[in-house]
Amino acid sequence: MISVTFITNANKVLTAPENSNLLRVSLRGQGGIPFKCGGGLCGTCKCRIESGLEYTDAVKQKERKHLSEADFEQGFRMACQTFVNGDVSVSW
């Protein structure tokens, strides 16, 4: 199991199996990441991986439509497209 800390939501910590989708973890445990579509179309779930970026999977093509290379370098991802394989902390 991994831990996801939702910094913007009073440092709420949720646990999930490895290779879990970040937005789904947030939805199941009321982590609070904002979203509208959940499918990579709107970009609403843009969030910043404050720690544990190395535990996220590769950037998806849908993310490249909403985020710049500078965003990725700063740790920004779209929660609906991001799967985590280790402990992460996220803000938005």
C-alpha atoms as a PDB file:
ATOM      1  CA  MET A   1       0.000   0.000   0.000  1.00  0.00           C
ATOM      2  CA  ILE A   2       1.050   3.568  -0.690  1.00  0.00           C
ATOM      3  CA  SER A   3       0.180   6.831   1.062  1.00  0.00           C
ATOM      4  CA  VAL A   4      -1.145   9.929  -0.684  1.00  0.00           C
ATOM      5  CA  THR A   5      -1.033  13.189   1.273  1.00  0.00           C
ATOM      6  CA  PHE A   6      -3.431  15.893   0.090  1.00  0.00           C
ATOM      7  CA  ILE A   7      -1.602  19.011   1.281  1.00  0.00           C
ATOM      8  CA  THR A   8      -4.309  21.479   0.199  1.00  0.00           C
ATOM      9  CA  ASN A   9      -6.910  19.442   2.122  1.00  0.00           C
ATOM     10  CA  ALA A  10      -5.374  19.868   5.599  1.00  0.00           C
ATOM     11  CA  ASN A  11      -2.690  17.245   4.872  1.00  0.00           C
ATOM     12  CA  LYS A  12      -5.275  14.471   4.660  1.00  0.00           C
ATOM     13  CA  VAL A  13      -3.562  11.098   4.160  1.00  0.00           C
ATOM     14  CA  LEU A  14      -5.161   8.231   2.261  1.00  0.00           C
ATOM     15  CA  THR A  15      -3.788   4.796   1.493  1.00  0.00           C
ATOM     16  CA  ALA A  16      -4.209   2.956  -1.779  1.00  0.00           C
ATOM     17  CA  PRO A  17      -2.747  -0.017  -3.657  1.00  0.00           C
ATOM     18  CA  GLU A  18       0.316   0.583  -5.835  1.00  0.00           C
ATOM     19  CA  ASN A  19      -0.419   1.709  -9.397  1.00  0.00           C
ATOM     20  CA  SER A  20      -3.530   3.630  -8.296  1.00  0.00           C
ATOM     21  CA  ASN A  21      -4.966   6.517 -10.279  1.00  0.00           C
ATOM     22  CA  LEU A  22      -4.473   9.743  -8.327  1.00  0.00           C
ATOM     23  CA  LEU A  23      -7.910  11.196  -9.073  1.00  0.00           C
ATOM     24  CA  ARG A  24      -9.665   7.944  -8.134  1.00  0.00           C
ATOM     25  CA  VAL A  25      -7.805   7.846  -4.807  1.00  0.00           C
ATOM     26  CA  SER A  26      -8.950  11.416  -4.183  1.00  0.00           C
ATOM     27  CA  LEU A  27     -12.561  10.643  -5.092  1.00  0.00           C
ATOM     28  CA  ARG A  28     -12.782   7.479  -2.977  1.00  0.00           C
ATOM     29  CA  GLY A  29     -11.332   9.119   0.113  1.00  0.00           C
ATOM     30  CA  GLN A  30     -12.560  12.694  -0.317  1.00  0.00           C
ATOM     31  CA  GLY A  31      -9.037  13.969  -0.933  1.00  0.00           C
ATOM     32  CA  GLY A  32     -10.438  17.066  -2.593  1.00  0.00           C
ATOM     33  CA  ILE A  33      -8.638  17.357  -5.927  1.00  0.00           C
ATOM     34  CA  PRO A  34     -10.948  19.451  -8.162  1.00  0.00           C
ATOM     35  CA  PHE A  35     -12.188  17.842 -11.370  1.00  0.00           C
ATOM     36  CA  LYS A  36     -14.934  18.069 -13.975  1.00  0.00           C
ATOM     37  CA  CYS A  37     -14.533  15.358 -16.589  1.00  0.00           C
ATOM     38  CA  GLY A  38     -12.141  12.781 -15.134  1.00  0.00           C
ATOM     39  CA  GLY A  39     -11.015  11.745 -18.618  1.00  0.00           C
ATOM     40  CA  GLY A  40      -8.220  14.119 -19.559  1.00  0.00           C
ATOM     41  CA  LEU A  41     -10.330  16.474 -21.633  1.00  0.00           C
ATOM     42  CA  CYS A  42     -10.713  19.576 -19.452  1.00  0.00           C
ATOM     43  CA  GLY A  43      -7.495  19.953 -17.429  1.00  0.00           C
ATOM     44  CA  THR A  44      -9.395  20.859 -14.244  1.00  0.00           C
ATOM     45  CA  CYS A  45      -7.562  18.261 -12.139  1.00  0.00           C
ATOM     46  CA  LYS A  46      -4.159  19.918 -12.630  1.00  0.00           C
ATOM     47  CA  CYS A  47      -2.196  19.383  -9.445  1.00  0.00           C
ATOM     48  CA  ARG A  48       1.384  19.558  -8.251  1.00  0.00           C
ATOM     49  CA  ILE A  49       3.256  16.541  -6.971  1.00  0.00           C
ATOM     50  CA  GLU A  50       5.153  18.180  -4.100  1.00  0.00           C
ATOM     51  CA  SER A  51       7.041  15.025  -3.162  1.00  0.00           C
ATOM     52  CA  GLY A  52       7.283  11.586  -4.690  1.00  0.00           C
ATOM     53  CA  LEU A  53       7.269  12.694  -8.333  1.00  0.00           C
ATOM     54  CA  GLU A  54       9.572   9.754  -9.032  1.00  0.00           C
ATOM     55  CA  TYR A  55       6.696   7.448  -8.050  1.00  0.00           C
ATOM     56  CA  THR A  56       4.420   8.682 -10.836  1.00  0.00           C
ATOM     57  CA  ASP A  57       4.091   7.057 -14.239  1.00  0.00           C
ATOM     58  CA  ALA A  58       5.037   8.586 -17.585  1.00  0.00           C
ATOM     59  CA  VAL A  59       3.346  11.770 -18.797  1.00  0.00           C
ATOM     60  CA  LYS A  60       0.399  11.012 -21.099  1.00  0.00           C
ATOM     61  CA  GLN A  61      -0.431  12.685 -24.411  1.00  0.00           C
ATOM     62  CA  LYS A  62      -3.655  14.111 -22.945  1.00  0.00           C
ATOM     63  CA  GLU A  63      -1.600  15.915 -20.289  1.00  0.00           C
ATOM     64  CA  ARG A  64       0.590  17.505 -22.956  1.00  0.00           C
ATOM     65  CA  LYS A  65      -2.506  19.245 -24.348  1.00  0.00           C
ATOM     66  CA  HIS A  66      -3.055  21.112 -21.066  1.00  0.00           C
ATOM     67  CA  LEU A  67       0.382  21.374 -19.437  1.00  0.00           C
ATOM     68  CA  SER A  68       3.695  22.761 -20.685  1.00  0.00           C
ATOM     69  CA  GLU A  69       7.167  21.285 -20.311  1.00  0.00           C
ATOM     70  CA  ALA A  70       7.792  23.954 -17.646  1.00  0.00           C
ATOM     71  CA  ASP A  71       4.717  22.663 -15.774  1.00  0.00           C
ATOM     72  CA  PHE A  72       6.060  19.106 -15.856  1.00  0.00           C
ATOM     73  CA  GLU A  73       9.468  20.281 -14.631  1.00  0.00           C
ATOM     74  CA  GLN A  74       7.742  21.949 -11.655  1.00  0.00           C
ATOM     75  CA  GLY A  75       5.908  18.741 -10.792  1.00  0.00           C
ATOM     76  CA  PHE A  76       2.494  19.494 -12.274  1.00  0.00           C
ATOM     77  CA  ARG A  77       0.372  16.613 -13.547  1.00  0.00           C
ATOM     78  CA  MET A  78      -3.280  15.920 -14.296  1.00  0.00           C
ATOM     79  CA  ALA A  79      -4.644  13.718 -11.514  1.00  0.00           C
ATOM     80  CA  CYS A  80      -6.979  11.810 -13.835  1.00  0.00           C
ATOM     81  CA  GLN A  81      -4.044  10.677 -15.980  1.00  0.00           C
ATOM     82  CA  THR A  82      -1.497  10.000 -13.230  1.00  0.00           C
ATOM     83  CA  PHE A  83      -0.865   6.625 -11.600  1.00  0.00           C
ATOM     84  CA  VAL A  84       1.260   6.416  -8.450  1.00  0.00           C
ATOM     85  CA  ASN A  85       3.548   3.590  -7.347  1.00  0.00           C
ATOM     86  CA  GLY A  86       4.858   5.032  -4.064  1.00  0.00           C
ATOM     87  CA  ASP A  87       4.133   7.655  -1.424  1.00  0.00           C
ATOM     88  CA  VAL A  88       3.311  11.092  -2.844  1.00  0.00           C
ATOM     89  CA  SER A  89       2.210  14.481  -1.552  1.00  0.00           C
ATOM     90  CA  VAL A  90      -0.007  16.602  -3.781  1.00  0.00           C
ATOM     91  CA  SER A  91      -1.366  20.166  -3.797  1.00  0.00           C
ATOM     92  CA  TRP A  92      -3.578  22.145  -6.176  1.00  0.00           C
END
